[in-house]
Amino acid sequence: MNAQPDIAKVQRDLEAAKVLRDQIAQLADGDEEFVRDTLQGETDLEGIVRSLLAGIGLDEAMADGIDAFGKELATRKERLASRAKLKRTLVCTALEIAGRKTFETDVGTVTLSAVKPKAIVNEEADIPAEFFKPQPPKLDQSALSAALREGREVPGAVLSNGGNTIRILRK
């Protein structure tokens, strides 16, 4: 076996590393700290790809953390809104029992007001169409893609050339 490195492979790796460094510099738009943090001093293809994979892992973990925190905040918001609504109901009930239209305190004045009756839907399917708002149609992207992949011609749409993506397996 030949122990010599494949010169063509080494040249391709060097070119790929150069392209990656150039693309990272363009993405950074002059932010040298971003370039330094992204490349972490790596100059060869393996080192740059390793650094990018580590960065992808951190970015995805942070995005997941923000998503989880956003869900926690949304839950907290719902709980607070529900609690505020309950407190409003308590004050309303107290004013009704006391027979008072207004109540003044140092933090605010509350006034009891009548509310118009509103519809309660028992069975939406039985309600006539005149009471529904028309909605704009929404494109079913997956059905459109499937039809095009099956060879159907669909006016206004074509199938892309596809491309490549990466799959990252974590150890």
N, C-alpha and C. Protein backbone atom coordinates (compact mmCIF):
# COMPACT_ATOMS: atom_id res chain seq x y z
N MET A 1 0.82 -1.17 0.00
CA MET A 1 0.00 0.00 0.00
C MET A 1 0.87 1.24 0.00
N ASN A 2 0.32 2.27 -0.59
CA ASN A 2 1.04 3.53 -0.68
C ASN A 2 0.73 4.36 0.56
N ALA A 3 1.75 4.68 1.35
CA ALA A 3 1.58 5.45 2.58
C ALA A 3 1.56 6.94 2.29
N GLN A 4 1.85 7.32 1.06
CA GLN A 4 1.85 8.73 0.68
C GLN A 4 0.43 9.27 0.71
N PRO A 5 0.26 10.49 1.20
CA PRO A 5 -1.08 11.08 1.18
C PRO A 5 -1.52 11.34 -0.26
N ASP A 6 -2.78 11.24 -0.50
CA ASP A 6 -3.36 11.53 -1.81
C ASP A 6 -3.28 13.05 -1.99
N ILE A 7 -2.39 13.50 -2.88
CA ILE A 7 -2.15 14.94 -3.09
C ILE A 7 -3.44 15.65 -3.49
N ALA A 8 -4.24 15.02 -4.36
CA ALA A 8 -5.48 15.64 -4.81
C ALA A 8 -6.44 15.83 -3.63
N LYS A 9 -6.51 14.83 -2.73
CA LYS A 9 -7.39 14.93 -1.57
C LYS A 9 -6.92 16.04 -0.65
N VAL A 10 -5.64 16.13 -0.42
CA VAL A 10 -5.08 17.18 0.44
C VAL A 10 -5.38 18.55 -0.16
N GLN A 11 -5.24 18.68 -1.46
CA GLN A 11 -5.53 19.96 -2.11
C GLN A 11 -7.01 20.31 -2.00
N ARG A 12 -7.87 19.32 -2.18
CA ARG A 12 -9.32 19.59 -2.04
C ARG A 12 -9.67 20.00 -0.61
N ASP A 13 -9.06 19.31 0.36
CA ASP A 13 -9.30 19.66 1.76
C ASP A 13 -8.83 21.09 2.06
N LEU A 14 -7.65 21.45 1.54
CA LEU A 14 -7.14 22.82 1.73
C LEU A 14 -8.06 23.85 1.10
N GLU A 15 -8.54 23.55 -0.11
CA GLU A 15 -9.46 24.47 -0.79
C GLU A 15 -10.76 24.60 -0.01
N ALA A 16 -11.29 23.47 0.48
CA ALA A 16 -12.52 23.50 1.27
C ALA A 16 -12.32 24.31 2.55
N ALA A 17 -11.17 24.14 3.20
CA ALA A 17 -10.88 24.90 4.42
C ALA A 17 -10.79 26.39 4.12
N LYS A 18 -10.18 26.75 3.01
CA LYS A 18 -10.08 28.16 2.61
C LYS A 18 -11.46 28.74 2.35
N VAL A 19 -12.29 28.00 1.63
CA VAL A 19 -13.65 28.46 1.33
C VAL A 19 -14.43 28.64 2.62
N LEU A 20 -14.31 27.68 3.54
CA LEU A 20 -15.01 27.80 4.82
C LEU A 20 -14.56 29.04 5.59
N ARG A 21 -13.24 29.26 5.67
CA ARG A 21 -12.73 30.44 6.38
C ARG A 21 -13.25 31.72 5.74
N ASP A 22 -13.25 31.77 4.39
CA ASP A 22 -13.75 32.96 3.68
C ASP A 22 -15.24 33.17 3.94
N GLN A 23 -16.03 32.09 3.92
CA GLN A 23 -17.47 32.21 4.16
C GLN A 23 -17.76 32.64 5.59
N ILE A 24 -16.99 32.13 6.54
CA ILE A 24 -17.16 32.54 7.94
C ILE A 24 -16.83 34.02 8.09
N ALA A 25 -15.76 34.48 7.42
CA ALA A 25 -15.40 35.90 7.47
C ALA A 25 -16.50 36.76 6.87
N GLN A 26 -17.10 36.31 5.76
CA GLN A 26 -18.20 37.07 5.15
C GLN A 26 -19.41 37.10 6.08
N LEU A 27 -19.72 35.97 6.68
CA LEU A 27 -20.84 35.88 7.61
C LEU A 27 -20.62 36.80 8.80
N ALA A 28 -19.39 36.91 9.24
CA ALA A 28 -19.06 37.74 10.41
C ALA A 28 -19.22 39.22 10.12
N ASP A 29 -19.10 39.62 8.86
CA ASP A 29 -19.26 41.02 8.45
C ASP A 29 -18.39 41.95 9.29
N GLY A 30 -17.11 41.58 9.42
CA GLY A 30 -16.16 42.43 10.12
C GLY A 30 -16.04 42.16 11.61
N ASP A 31 -16.83 41.25 12.15
CA ASP A 31 -16.78 40.94 13.58
C ASP A 31 -15.67 39.91 13.82
N GLU A 32 -14.48 40.42 14.15
CA GLU A 32 -13.31 39.55 14.33
C GLU A 32 -13.50 38.56 15.49
N GLU A 33 -14.23 38.98 16.52
CA GLU A 33 -14.48 38.10 17.67
C GLU A 33 -15.31 36.89 17.23
N PHE A 34 -16.30 37.12 16.34
CA PHE A 34 -17.11 36.02 15.82
C PHE A 34 -16.23 35.04 15.06
N VAL A 35 -15.34 35.57 14.21
CA VAL A 35 -14.43 34.71 13.43
C VAL A 35 -13.54 33.92 14.37
N ARG A 36 -12.96 34.61 15.36
CA ARG A 36 -12.05 33.95 16.31
C ARG A 36 -12.80 32.86 17.09
N ASP A 37 -14.02 33.18 17.57
CA ASP A 37 -14.79 32.20 18.34
C ASP A 37 -15.22 31.02 17.48
N THR A 38 -15.55 31.28 16.22
CA THR A 38 -16.02 30.22 15.33
C THR A 38 -14.89 29.30 14.92
N LEU A 39 -13.78 29.87 14.52
CA LEU A 39 -12.66 29.06 14.03
C LEU A 39 -11.80 28.51 15.17
N GLN A 40 -11.76 29.19 16.30
CA GLN A 40 -10.97 28.78 17.46
C GLN A 40 -9.54 28.40 17.07
N GLY A 41 -8.97 29.19 16.17
CA GLY A 41 -7.58 28.99 15.77
C GLY A 41 -7.35 27.85 14.79
N GLU A 42 -8.40 27.20 14.36
CA GLU A 42 -8.26 26.07 13.44
C GLU A 42 -7.96 26.56 12.03
N THR A 43 -7.11 25.83 11.33
CA THR A 43 -6.74 26.22 9.97
C THR A 43 -6.98 25.11 8.95
N ASP A 44 -7.01 23.85 9.42
CA ASP A 44 -7.23 22.75 8.48
C ASP A 44 -8.72 22.38 8.45
N LEU A 45 -9.12 21.66 7.42
CA LEU A 45 -10.52 21.32 7.21
C LEU A 45 -11.11 20.58 8.41
N GLU A 46 -10.42 19.57 8.91
CA GLU A 46 -10.95 18.79 10.03
C GLU A 46 -11.18 19.67 11.25
N GLY A 47 -10.24 20.54 11.55
CA GLY A 47 -10.37 21.42 12.71
C GLY A 47 -11.50 22.42 12.55
N ILE A 48 -11.65 22.97 11.35
CA ILE A 48 -12.72 23.94 11.11
C ILE A 48 -14.08 23.27 11.20
N VAL A 49 -14.21 22.09 10.57
CA VAL A 49 -15.49 21.37 10.63
C VAL A 49 -15.80 20.98 12.07
N ARG A 50 -14.80 20.52 12.81
CA ARG A 50 -15.00 20.17 14.22
C ARG A 50 -15.48 21.38 15.00
N SER A 51 -14.86 22.52 14.78
CA SER A 51 -15.24 23.75 15.47
C SER A 51 -16.67 24.16 15.10
N LEU A 52 -17.01 24.05 13.82
CA LEU A 52 -18.37 24.39 13.39
C LEU A 52 -19.40 23.44 14.01
N LEU A 53 -19.08 22.13 14.07
CA LEU A 53 -20.00 21.16 14.67
C LEU A 53 -20.21 21.47 16.15
N ALA A 54 -19.15 21.83 16.85
CA ALA A 54 -19.29 22.20 18.26
C ALA A 54 -20.18 23.44 18.38
N GLY A 55 -19.98 24.41 17.49
CA GLY A 55 -20.79 25.62 17.50
C GLY A 55 -22.25 25.34 17.19
N ILE A 56 -22.49 24.42 16.25
CA ILE A 56 -23.87 24.02 15.93
C ILE A 56 -24.53 23.43 17.17
N GLY A 57 -23.82 22.57 17.87
CA GLY A 57 -24.36 21.97 19.09
C GLY A 57 -24.72 23.01 20.12
N LEU A 58 -23.84 23.98 20.33
CA LEU A 58 -24.12 25.05 21.29
C LEU A 58 -25.30 25.91 20.85
N ASP A 59 -25.32 26.29 19.57
CA ASP A 59 -26.42 27.12 19.06
C ASP A 59 -27.76 26.39 19.18
N GLU A 60 -27.79 25.10 18.82
CA GLU A 60 -29.03 24.35 18.92
C GLU A 60 -29.47 24.19 20.37
N ALA A 61 -28.51 23.96 21.27
CA ALA A 61 -28.84 23.83 22.69
C ALA A 61 -29.41 25.14 23.23
N MET A 62 -28.80 26.26 22.83
CA MET A 62 -29.30 27.56 23.28
C MET A 62 -30.69 27.83 22.70
N ALA A 63 -30.90 27.50 21.43
CA ALA A 63 -32.22 27.69 20.81
C ALA A 63 -33.26 26.85 21.53
N ASP A 64 -32.92 25.59 21.85
CA ASP A 64 -33.84 24.73 22.59
C ASP A 64 -34.13 25.30 23.98
N GLY A 65 -33.10 25.83 24.63
CA GLY A 65 -33.27 26.43 25.95
C GLY A 65 -34.18 27.64 25.89
N ILE A 66 -34.00 28.47 24.87
CA ILE A 66 -34.85 29.65 24.71
C ILE A 66 -36.28 29.22 24.43
N ASP A 67 -36.46 28.18 23.61
CA ASP A 67 -37.79 27.66 23.32
C ASP A 67 -38.45 27.16 24.60
N ALA A 68 -37.72 26.39 25.41
CA ALA A 68 -38.27 25.88 26.66
C ALA A 68 -38.61 27.03 27.61
N PHE A 69 -37.74 28.03 27.67
CA PHE A 69 -37.99 29.18 28.53
C PHE A 69 -39.20 29.96 28.04
N GLY A 70 -39.33 30.08 26.71
CA GLY A 70 -40.49 30.76 26.14
C GLY A 70 -41.78 30.05 26.51
N LYS A 71 -41.76 28.71 26.46
CA LYS A 71 -42.94 27.93 26.85
C LYS A 71 -43.24 28.13 28.33
N GLU A 72 -42.21 28.15 29.15
CA GLU A 72 -42.39 28.38 30.59
C GLU A 72 -42.99 29.76 30.83
N LEU A 73 -42.50 30.76 30.10
CA LEU A 73 -43.04 32.12 30.24
C LEU A 73 -44.49 32.18 29.77
N ALA A 74 -44.81 31.48 28.67
CA ALA A 74 -46.19 31.46 28.17
C ALA A 74 -47.11 30.83 29.21
N THR A 75 -46.67 29.75 29.84
CA THR A 75 -47.46 29.10 30.88
C THR A 75 -47.65 30.04 32.06
N ARG A 76 -46.59 30.72 32.44
CA ARG A 76 -46.67 31.69 33.54
C ARG A 76 -47.62 32.83 33.18
N LYS A 77 -47.55 33.31 31.93
CA LYS A 77 -48.44 34.38 31.47
C LYS A 77 -49.90 33.94 31.57
N GLU A 78 -50.20 32.72 31.11
CA GLU A 78 -51.56 32.21 31.18
C GLU A 78 -52.03 32.12 32.63
N ARG A 79 -51.16 31.64 33.50
CA ARG A 79 -51.51 31.50 34.91
C ARG A 79 -51.80 32.88 35.52
N LEU A 80 -50.96 33.88 35.21
CA LEU A 80 -51.16 35.23 35.73
C LEU A 80 -52.44 35.85 35.18
N ALA A 81 -52.71 35.66 33.89
CA ALA A 81 -53.93 36.21 33.28
C ALA A 81 -55.16 35.56 33.91
N SER A 82 -55.10 34.25 34.15
CA SER A 82 -56.20 33.53 34.76
C SER A 82 -56.43 34.03 36.19
N ARG A 83 -55.35 34.24 36.90
CA ARG A 83 -55.44 34.72 38.28
C ARG A 83 -56.04 36.13 38.32
N ALA A 84 -55.62 36.99 37.37
CA ALA A 84 -56.16 38.35 37.31
C ALA A 84 -57.66 38.30 37.00
N LYS A 85 -58.07 37.41 36.09
CA LYS A 85 -59.49 37.27 35.75
C LYS A 85 -60.29 36.82 36.96
N LEU A 86 -59.75 35.87 37.70
CA LEU A 86 -60.41 35.39 38.92
C LEU A 86 -60.56 36.53 39.93
N LYS A 87 -59.52 37.33 40.10
CA LYS A 87 -59.57 38.45 41.04
C LYS A 87 -60.62 39.47 40.60
N ARG A 88 -60.73 39.71 39.28
CA ARG A 88 -61.76 40.62 38.77
C ARG A 88 -63.15 40.09 39.13
N THR A 89 -63.32 38.76 38.96
CA THR A 89 -64.60 38.14 39.29
C THR A 89 -64.91 38.30 40.77
N LEU A 90 -63.89 38.14 41.62
CA LEU A 90 -64.09 38.30 43.07
C LEU A 90 -64.54 39.72 43.40
N VAL A 91 -63.89 40.71 42.81
CA VAL A 91 -64.26 42.11 43.06
C VAL A 91 -65.66 42.38 42.54
N CYS A 92 -65.99 41.89 41.37
CA CYS A 92 -67.32 42.06 40.78
C CYS A 92 -68.38 41.47 41.71
N THR A 93 -68.14 40.26 42.19
CA THR A 93 -69.09 39.61 43.10
C THR A 93 -69.26 40.42 44.38
N ALA A 94 -68.15 40.91 44.91
CA ALA A 94 -68.21 41.70 46.14
C ALA A 94 -69.03 42.97 45.94
N LEU A 95 -68.85 43.67 44.81
CA LEU A 95 -69.62 44.87 44.53
C LEU A 95 -71.10 44.54 44.37
N GLU A 96 -71.41 43.43 43.69
CA GLU A 96 -72.80 43.01 43.52
C GLU A 96 -73.46 42.73 44.87
N ILE A 97 -72.75 41.99 45.73
CA ILE A 97 -73.29 41.65 47.05
C ILE A 97 -73.50 42.92 47.88
N ALA A 98 -72.52 43.83 47.80
CA ALA A 98 -72.60 45.07 48.58
C ALA A 98 -73.61 46.05 47.99
N GLY A 99 -74.05 45.79 46.76
CA GLY A 99 -74.99 46.69 46.11
C GLY A 99 -74.36 48.02 45.74
N ARG A 100 -73.07 48.01 45.44
CA ARG A 100 -72.35 49.25 45.11
C ARG A 100 -71.97 49.25 43.63
N LYS A 101 -72.12 50.39 42.97
CA LYS A 101 -71.71 50.55 41.57
C LYS A 101 -70.24 50.91 41.47
N THR A 102 -69.73 51.66 42.43
CA THR A 102 -68.31 52.05 42.42
C THR A 102 -67.71 51.83 43.79
N PHE A 103 -66.40 51.67 43.76
CA PHE A 103 -65.64 51.50 45.01
C PHE A 103 -64.29 52.16 44.78
N GLU A 104 -63.95 53.10 45.66
CA GLU A 104 -62.72 53.87 45.49
C GLU A 104 -61.70 53.48 46.57
N THR A 105 -60.46 53.22 46.11
CA THR A 105 -59.36 52.94 47.04
C THR A 105 -58.16 53.76 46.63
N ASP A 106 -57.10 53.69 47.43
CA ASP A 106 -55.87 54.43 47.11
C ASP A 106 -55.15 53.86 45.89
N VAL A 107 -55.45 52.61 45.47
CA VAL A 107 -54.79 52.02 44.30
C VAL A 107 -55.66 52.03 43.05
N GLY A 108 -56.90 52.48 43.19
CA GLY A 108 -57.75 52.57 42.01
C GLY A 108 -59.22 52.59 42.37
N THR A 109 -60.00 52.98 41.38
CA THR A 109 -61.45 53.00 41.53
C THR A 109 -62.03 51.96 40.60
N VAL A 110 -62.95 51.15 41.11
CA VAL A 110 -63.57 50.12 40.31
C VAL A 110 -65.05 50.46 40.16
N THR A 111 -65.55 50.26 38.95
CA THR A 111 -66.94 50.55 38.65
C THR A 111 -67.59 49.31 38.06
N LEU A 112 -68.75 48.97 38.58
CA LEU A 112 -69.51 47.82 38.10
C LEU A 112 -70.29 48.23 36.85
N SER A 113 -70.14 47.48 35.77
CA SER A 113 -70.82 47.78 34.51
C SER A 113 -71.53 46.54 34.00
N ALA A 114 -72.65 46.77 33.31
CA ALA A 114 -73.39 45.66 32.70
C ALA A 114 -72.69 45.23 31.42
N VAL A 115 -72.76 43.94 31.13
CA VAL A 115 -72.16 43.37 29.92
C VAL A 115 -73.27 42.81 29.05
N LYS A 116 -73.18 43.07 27.74
CA LYS A 116 -74.17 42.51 26.81
C LYS A 116 -74.05 41.00 26.77
N PRO A 117 -75.17 40.30 26.62
CA PRO A 117 -75.10 38.83 26.48
C PRO A 117 -74.34 38.46 25.20
N LYS A 118 -73.63 37.36 25.25
CA LYS A 118 -72.91 36.89 24.06
C LYS A 118 -73.30 35.45 23.75
N ALA A 119 -73.05 35.06 22.52
CA ALA A 119 -73.42 33.72 22.06
C ALA A 119 -72.54 32.67 22.71
N ILE A 120 -73.16 31.54 23.03
CA ILE A 120 -72.42 30.38 23.51
C ILE A 120 -72.65 29.28 22.48
N VAL A 121 -71.59 28.75 21.93
CA VAL A 121 -71.70 27.74 20.87
C VAL A 121 -71.80 26.36 21.50
N ASN A 122 -72.91 25.68 21.19
CA ASN A 122 -73.10 24.31 21.68
C ASN A 122 -72.63 23.29 20.66
N GLU A 123 -72.91 23.56 19.37
CA GLU A 123 -72.51 22.66 18.29
C GLU A 123 -72.17 23.49 17.07
N GLU A 124 -70.89 23.72 16.84
CA GLU A 124 -70.43 24.58 15.76
C GLU A 124 -70.88 24.08 14.39
N ALA A 125 -70.95 22.79 14.20
CA ALA A 125 -71.33 22.22 12.91
C ALA A 125 -72.76 22.58 12.51
N ASP A 126 -73.61 22.89 13.48
CA ASP A 126 -75.00 23.23 13.20
C ASP A 126 -75.20 24.71 12.86
N ILE A 127 -74.20 25.52 13.06
CA ILE A 127 -74.34 26.96 12.83
C ILE A 127 -74.28 27.24 11.32
N PRO A 128 -75.22 28.05 10.81
CA PRO A 128 -75.25 28.36 9.36
C PRO A 128 -73.98 29.06 8.89
N ALA A 129 -73.66 28.86 7.62
CA ALA A 129 -72.43 29.38 7.01
C ALA A 129 -72.32 30.90 7.09
N GLU A 130 -73.44 31.60 7.11
CA GLU A 130 -73.41 33.07 7.13
C GLU A 130 -72.68 33.64 8.34
N PHE A 131 -72.52 32.83 9.40
CA PHE A 131 -71.87 33.31 10.61
C PHE A 131 -70.38 32.97 10.66
N PHE A 132 -69.85 32.44 9.58
CA PHE A 132 -68.42 32.12 9.52
C PHE A 132 -67.71 33.14 8.65
N LYS A 133 -66.50 33.49 9.03
CA LYS A 133 -65.67 34.39 8.23
C LYS A 133 -64.90 33.54 7.22
N PRO A 134 -64.90 33.95 5.96
CA PRO A 134 -64.10 33.18 4.98
C PRO A 134 -62.61 33.36 5.28
N GLN A 135 -61.88 32.28 5.12
CA GLN A 135 -60.44 32.30 5.38
C GLN A 135 -59.70 32.14 4.06
N PRO A 136 -58.58 32.83 3.92
CA PRO A 136 -57.80 32.64 2.69
C PRO A 136 -57.23 31.22 2.66
N PRO A 137 -57.18 30.62 1.45
CA PRO A 137 -56.64 29.26 1.36
C PRO A 137 -55.16 29.25 1.76
N LYS A 138 -54.75 28.14 2.33
CA LYS A 138 -53.35 27.98 2.75
C LYS A 138 -52.73 26.85 1.93
N LEU A 139 -51.57 27.12 1.34
CA LEU A 139 -50.89 26.15 0.49
C LEU A 139 -50.41 24.96 1.31
N ASP A 140 -50.70 23.76 0.84
CA ASP A 140 -50.22 22.53 1.46
C ASP A 140 -48.91 22.16 0.76
N GLN A 141 -47.80 22.66 1.30
CA GLN A 141 -46.48 22.50 0.69
C GLN A 141 -46.10 21.03 0.54
N SER A 142 -46.40 20.20 1.53
CA SER A 142 -45.99 18.79 1.45
C SER A 142 -46.79 18.05 0.37
N ALA A 143 -48.07 18.34 0.24
CA ALA A 143 -48.87 17.69 -0.81
C ALA A 143 -48.41 18.15 -2.19
N LEU A 144 -48.10 19.44 -2.32
CA LEU A 144 -47.60 19.97 -3.59
C LEU A 144 -46.28 19.30 -3.97
N SER A 145 -45.35 19.21 -3.02
CA SER A 145 -44.06 18.56 -3.28
C SER A 145 -44.24 17.11 -3.67
N ALA A 146 -45.14 16.41 -2.96
CA ALA A 146 -45.39 14.99 -3.26
C ALA A 146 -45.93 14.83 -4.68
N ALA A 147 -46.86 15.70 -5.08
CA ALA A 147 -47.44 15.62 -6.43
C ALA A 147 -46.36 15.85 -7.49
N LEU A 148 -45.50 16.82 -7.26
CA LEU A 148 -44.43 17.11 -8.22
C LEU A 148 -43.42 15.96 -8.28
N ARG A 149 -43.12 15.36 -7.14
CA ARG A 149 -42.19 14.22 -7.11
C ARG A 149 -42.77 13.02 -7.85
N GLU A 150 -44.12 12.91 -7.86
CA GLU A 150 -44.80 11.82 -8.58
C GLU A 150 -44.83 12.08 -10.08
N GLY A 151 -44.35 13.24 -10.49
CA GLY A 151 -44.30 13.55 -11.92
C GLY A 151 -45.47 14.37 -12.42
N ARG A 152 -46.39 14.75 -11.55
CA ARG A 152 -47.52 15.57 -11.97
C ARG A 152 -47.05 16.97 -12.31
N GLU A 153 -47.64 17.56 -13.35
CA GLU A 153 -47.36 18.95 -13.68
C GLU A 153 -48.38 19.80 -12.95
N VAL A 154 -47.88 20.74 -12.18
CA VAL A 154 -48.75 21.63 -11.42
C VAL A 154 -48.45 23.05 -11.87
N PRO A 155 -49.42 23.72 -12.47
CA PRO A 155 -49.18 25.11 -12.91
C PRO A 155 -48.75 25.98 -11.74
N GLY A 156 -47.73 26.78 -11.97
CA GLY A 156 -47.25 27.69 -10.93
C GLY A 156 -46.23 27.10 -9.99
N ALA A 157 -45.83 25.85 -10.22
CA ALA A 157 -44.86 25.22 -9.32
C ALA A 157 -43.96 24.27 -10.08
N VAL A 158 -42.73 24.18 -9.66
CA VAL A 158 -41.77 23.21 -10.19
C VAL A 158 -41.04 22.59 -9.01
N LEU A 159 -40.40 21.49 -9.27
CA LEU A 159 -39.64 20.79 -8.24
C LEU A 159 -38.21 21.33 -8.24
N SER A 160 -37.67 21.58 -7.06
CA SER A 160 -36.29 22.06 -6.96
C SER A 160 -35.33 20.94 -7.35
N ASN A 161 -34.05 21.29 -7.46
CA ASN A 161 -33.02 20.30 -7.77
C ASN A 161 -32.62 19.50 -6.54
N GLY A 162 -33.22 19.82 -5.40
CA GLY A 162 -32.82 19.12 -4.18
C GLY A 162 -31.51 19.71 -3.68
N GLY A 163 -30.61 18.90 -3.31
CA GLY A 163 -29.33 19.37 -2.79
C GLY A 163 -28.85 18.42 -1.72
N ASN A 164 -27.94 18.89 -0.94
CA ASN A 164 -27.37 18.09 0.14
C ASN A 164 -27.64 18.77 1.46
N THR A 165 -27.64 17.98 2.48
CA THR A 165 -27.74 18.49 3.84
C THR A 165 -26.79 17.65 4.68
N ILE A 166 -26.66 17.99 5.93
CA ILE A 166 -25.81 17.18 6.80
C ILE A 166 -26.66 16.61 7.92
N ARG A 167 -26.25 15.49 8.43
CA ARG A 167 -26.85 14.88 9.61
C ARG A 167 -25.74 14.77 10.61
N ILE A 168 -25.98 15.23 11.83
CA ILE A 168 -24.94 15.22 12.86
C ILE A 168 -25.31 14.19 13.91
N LEU A 169 -24.44 13.23 14.14
CA LEU A 169 -24.62 12.24 15.18
C LEU A 169 -23.73 12.64 16.34
N ARG A 170 -24.28 12.78 17.51
CA ARG A 170 -23.51 13.16 18.70
C ARG A 170 -23.04 11.91 19.42
N LYS A 171 -21.80 11.94 19.86
CA LYS A 171 -21.24 10.78 20.57
C LYS A 171 -21.56 10.84 22.03
